[in-house]
């Protein structure tokens, strides 16, 4: 009988020695839900005013909305999906950015609502 042959592969370093464990997570890794690029009508209610626009991206936790005018960071809004007439409370989480279509306004729902957009979100792999 032959003696056991030592494993020529070096052992994997402990998790604390791996470089990825010491770097800051990327924005994609920090996301709480998967984003989907989809353009659909949306209505934003803010301070008694009705603003019509379209989505740029949506997720179970909010959306990036394209509006003709910006809404300030921290503003509480109500988001309506005109296709389903469902409404959800939300807030603007960052200052809007302008692009060729108008103002990109990022809104986050007060609580995750994966059925709000009436679409299926791909599994979130992080």
C-alpha atoms as a PDB file:
ATOM      1  CA  UNK A   1       0.000   0.000   0.000  1.00  0.00           C
ATOM      2  CA  UNK A   2       1.279   3.470  -0.974  1.00  0.00           C
ATOM      3  CA  UNK A   3       1.566   6.244   1.611  1.00  0.00           C
ATOM      4  CA  UNK A   4      -0.923   9.131   1.125  1.00  0.00           C
ATOM      5  CA  UNK A   5       0.241  11.819  -1.294  1.00  0.00           C
ATOM      6  CA  UNK A   6       0.154  15.348   0.119  1.00  0.00           C
ATOM      7  CA  UNK A   7      -2.212  17.732  -1.646  1.00  0.00           C
ATOM      8  CA  UNK A   8      -0.055  19.899  -3.966  1.00  0.00           C
ATOM      9  CA  UNK A   9      -2.697  22.701  -4.026  1.00  0.00           C
ATOM     10  CA  UNK A  10      -2.233  25.359  -1.383  1.00  0.00           C
ATOM     11  CA  UNK A  11      -5.106  25.763   1.022  1.00  0.00           C
ATOM     12  CA  UNK A  12      -7.482  28.656   0.407  1.00  0.00           C
ATOM     13  CA  UNK A  13      -6.705  31.632   2.592  1.00  0.00           C
ATOM     14  CA  UNK A  14      -9.123  32.264   5.419  1.00  0.00           C
ATOM     15  CA  UNK A  15     -12.062  34.569   4.508  1.00  0.00           C
ATOM     16  CA  UNK A  16     -10.514  37.508   6.353  1.00  0.00           C
ATOM     17  CA  UNK A  17      -7.433  37.352   4.092  1.00  0.00           C
ATOM     18  CA  UNK A  18      -9.389  37.594   0.829  1.00  0.00           C
ATOM     19  CA  UNK A  19      -9.117  41.014  -0.857  1.00  0.00           C
ATOM     20  CA  UNK A  20     -12.835  41.186  -1.759  1.00  0.00           C
ATOM     21  CA  UNK A  21     -13.759  40.894   1.890  1.00  0.00           C
ATOM     22  CA  UNK A  22     -11.815  44.048   2.736  1.00  0.00           C
ATOM     23  CA  UNK A  23     -13.079  46.329  -0.055  1.00  0.00           C
ATOM     24  CA  UNK A  24     -16.244  48.417   0.093  1.00  0.00           C
ATOM     25  CA  UNK A  25     -19.234  46.813  -1.667  1.00  0.00           C
ATOM     26  CA  UNK A  26     -20.207  48.276  -5.028  1.00  0.00           C
ATOM     27  CA  UNK A  27     -23.511  50.095  -5.515  1.00  0.00           C
ATOM     28  CA  UNK A  28     -24.902  47.007  -7.252  1.00  0.00           C
ATOM     29  CA  UNK A  29     -23.918  44.810  -4.294  1.00  0.00           C
ATOM     30  CA  UNK A  30     -25.575  47.209  -1.828  1.00  0.00           C
ATOM     31  CA  UNK A  31     -28.899  47.194  -3.670  1.00  0.00           C
ATOM     32  CA  UNK A  32     -31.813  45.765  -1.742  1.00  0.00           C
ATOM     33  CA  UNK A  33     -33.749  44.746  -4.847  1.00  0.00           C
ATOM     34  CA  UNK A  34     -33.190  44.087  -8.529  1.00  0.00           C
ATOM     35  CA  UNK A  35     -33.720  46.970 -10.955  1.00  0.00           C
ATOM     36  CA  UNK A  36     -35.558  46.550 -14.242  1.00  0.00           C
ATOM     37  CA  UNK A  37     -35.224  49.001 -17.135  1.00  0.00           C
ATOM     38  CA  UNK A  38     -38.823  49.644 -18.209  1.00  0.00           C
ATOM     39  CA  UNK A  39     -40.628  52.701 -19.499  1.00  0.00           C
ATOM     40  CA  UNK A  40     -44.197  52.948 -18.270  1.00  0.00           C
ATOM     41  CA  UNK A  41     -46.546  55.807 -17.343  1.00  0.00           C
ATOM     42  CA  UNK A  42     -46.474  56.941 -13.708  1.00  0.00           C
ATOM     43  CA  UNK A  43     -48.231  59.671 -11.732  1.00  0.00           C
ATOM     44  CA  UNK A  44     -46.552  61.455  -8.819  1.00  0.00           C
ATOM     45  CA  UNK A  45     -48.638  63.415  -6.328  1.00  0.00           C
ATOM     46  CA  UNK A  46     -46.743  66.048  -4.350  1.00  0.00           C
ATOM     47  CA  UNK A  47     -48.194  68.868  -2.245  1.00  0.00           C
ATOM     48  CA  UNK A  48     -51.623  68.553  -3.881  1.00  0.00           C
ATOM     49  CA  UNK A  49     -50.098  68.656  -7.375  1.00  0.00           C
ATOM     50  CA  UNK A  50     -50.379  65.844  -9.963  1.00  0.00           C
ATOM     51  CA  UNK A  51     -47.254  65.251 -12.077  1.00  0.00           C
ATOM     52  CA  UNK A  52     -47.364  62.819 -14.986  1.00  0.00           C
ATOM     53  CA  UNK A  53     -44.222  61.115 -16.192  1.00  0.00           C
ATOM     54  CA  UNK A  54     -42.623  57.805 -17.100  1.00  0.00           C
ATOM     55  CA  UNK A  55     -40.405  55.354 -15.328  1.00  0.00           C
ATOM     56  CA  UNK A  56     -36.780  54.910 -16.327  1.00  0.00           C
ATOM     57  CA  UNK A  57     -36.070  51.944 -14.038  1.00  0.00           C
ATOM     58  CA  UNK A  58     -38.243  50.229 -11.432  1.00  0.00           C
ATOM     59  CA  UNK A  59     -37.647  47.910  -8.501  1.00  0.00           C
ATOM     60  CA  UNK A  60     -39.620  46.409  -5.647  1.00  0.00           C
ATOM     61  CA  UNK A  61     -38.436  49.339  -3.543  1.00  0.00           C
ATOM     62  CA  UNK A  62     -39.016  52.323  -5.829  1.00  0.00           C
ATOM     63  CA  UNK A  63     -38.149  53.785  -9.204  1.00  0.00           C
ATOM     64  CA  UNK A  64     -36.225  56.339 -11.211  1.00  0.00           C
ATOM     65  CA  UNK A  65     -38.937  58.546 -12.670  1.00  0.00           C
ATOM     66  CA  UNK A  66     -38.679  60.978 -15.594  1.00  0.00           C
ATOM     67  CA  UNK A  67     -40.677  64.158 -14.958  1.00  0.00           C
ATOM     68  CA  UNK A  68     -40.854  67.562 -16.653  1.00  0.00           C
ATOM     69  CA  UNK A  69     -39.824  69.200 -13.373  1.00  0.00           C
ATOM     70  CA  UNK A  70     -37.628  68.118 -10.495  1.00  0.00           C
ATOM     71  CA  UNK A  71     -38.698  67.375  -6.939  1.00  0.00           C
ATOM     72  CA  UNK A  72     -36.366  68.148  -4.050  1.00  0.00           C
ATOM     73  CA  UNK A  73     -34.538  65.478  -2.078  1.00  0.00           C
ATOM     74  CA  UNK A  74     -36.470  64.342   1.007  1.00  0.00           C
ATOM     75  CA  UNK A  75     -39.874  65.339  -0.410  1.00  0.00           C
ATOM     76  CA  UNK A  76     -42.657  62.879   0.454  1.00  0.00           C
ATOM     77  CA  UNK A  77     -44.742  61.861  -2.554  1.00  0.00           C
ATOM     78  CA  UNK A  78     -47.450  59.399  -3.541  1.00  0.00           C
ATOM     79  CA  UNK A  79     -46.648  57.249  -6.566  1.00  0.00           C
ATOM     80  CA  UNK A  80     -49.503  55.894  -8.701  1.00  0.00           C
ATOM     81  CA  UNK A  81     -49.292  53.128 -11.273  1.00  0.00           C
ATOM     82  CA  UNK A  82     -52.005  54.248 -13.751  1.00  0.00           C
ATOM     83  CA  UNK A  83     -52.292  50.729 -15.213  1.00  0.00           C
ATOM     84  CA  UNK A  84     -53.439  49.270 -11.885  1.00  0.00           C
ATOM     85  CA  UNK A  85     -54.548  52.460 -10.064  1.00  0.00           C
ATOM     86  CA  UNK A  86     -52.414  51.287  -7.104  1.00  0.00           C
ATOM     87  CA  UNK A  87     -50.788  53.999  -5.012  1.00  0.00           C
ATOM     88  CA  UNK A  88     -47.852  53.853  -2.606  1.00  0.00           C
ATOM     89  CA  UNK A  89     -46.185  56.398  -0.324  1.00  0.00           C
ATOM     90  CA  UNK A  90     -42.573  57.243  -1.173  1.00  0.00           C
ATOM     91  CA  UNK A  91     -39.889  59.890  -0.827  1.00  0.00           C
ATOM     92  CA  UNK A  92     -37.298  61.428  -3.125  1.00  0.00           C
ATOM     93  CA  UNK A  93     -33.950  60.015  -2.011  1.00  0.00           C
ATOM     94  CA  UNK A  94     -31.460  62.137  -3.984  1.00  0.00           C
ATOM     95  CA  UNK A  95     -31.522  65.436  -5.854  1.00  0.00           C
ATOM     96  CA  UNK A  96     -32.944  65.051  -9.373  1.00  0.00           C
ATOM     97  CA  UNK A  97     -30.627  65.026 -12.374  1.00  0.00           C
ATOM     98  CA  UNK A  98     -31.476  66.551 -15.722  1.00  0.00           C
ATOM     99  CA  UNK A  99     -31.223  64.635 -18.977  1.00  0.00           C
ATOM    100  CA  UNK A 100     -32.572  65.187 -22.496  1.00  0.00           C
ATOM    101  CA  UNK A 101     -36.036  63.893 -21.497  1.00  0.00           C
ATOM    102  CA  UNK A 102     -36.460  65.952 -18.339  1.00  0.00           C
ATOM    103  CA  UNK A 103     -35.686  65.465 -14.688  1.00  0.00           C
ATOM    104  CA  UNK A 104     -34.629  62.025 -13.361  1.00  0.00           C
ATOM    105  CA  UNK A 105     -36.196  61.744  -9.898  1.00  0.00           C
ATOM    106  CA  UNK A 106     -35.224  58.751  -7.695  1.00  0.00           C
ATOM    107  CA  UNK A 107     -38.067  57.681  -5.384  1.00  0.00           C
ATOM    108  CA  UNK A 108     -37.990  55.021  -2.679  1.00  0.00           C
ATOM    109  CA  UNK A 109     -41.164  53.411  -1.357  1.00  0.00           C
ATOM    110  CA  UNK A 110     -41.871  53.718   2.370  1.00  0.00           C
ATOM    111  CA  UNK A 111     -41.924  49.882   2.390  1.00  0.00           C
ATOM    112  CA  UNK A 112     -40.951  47.393  -0.356  1.00  0.00           C
ATOM    113  CA  UNK A 113     -43.867  46.600  -2.658  1.00  0.00           C
ATOM    114  CA  UNK A 114     -42.782  43.956  -5.214  1.00  0.00           C
ATOM    115  CA  UNK A 115     -46.242  43.750  -6.828  1.00  0.00           C
ATOM    116  CA  UNK A 116     -46.723  47.501  -7.353  1.00  0.00           C
ATOM    117  CA  UNK A 117     -45.382  47.639 -10.908  1.00  0.00           C
ATOM    118  CA  UNK A 118     -47.288  44.497 -11.953  1.00  0.00           C
ATOM    119  CA  UNK A 119     -44.143  42.933 -13.411  1.00  0.00           C
ATOM    120  CA  UNK A 120     -41.992  39.942 -12.464  1.00  0.00           C
ATOM    121  CA  UNK A 121     -38.590  40.818 -11.022  1.00  0.00           C
ATOM    122  CA  UNK A 122     -35.676  38.483 -11.759  1.00  0.00           C
ATOM    123  CA  UNK A 123     -34.164  36.733  -8.737  1.00  0.00           C
ATOM    124  CA  UNK A 124     -31.747  38.975  -6.866  1.00  0.00           C
ATOM    125  CA  UNK A 125     -28.274  37.435  -6.809  1.00  0.00           C
ATOM    126  CA  UNK A 126     -25.808  39.295  -4.707  1.00  0.00           C
END
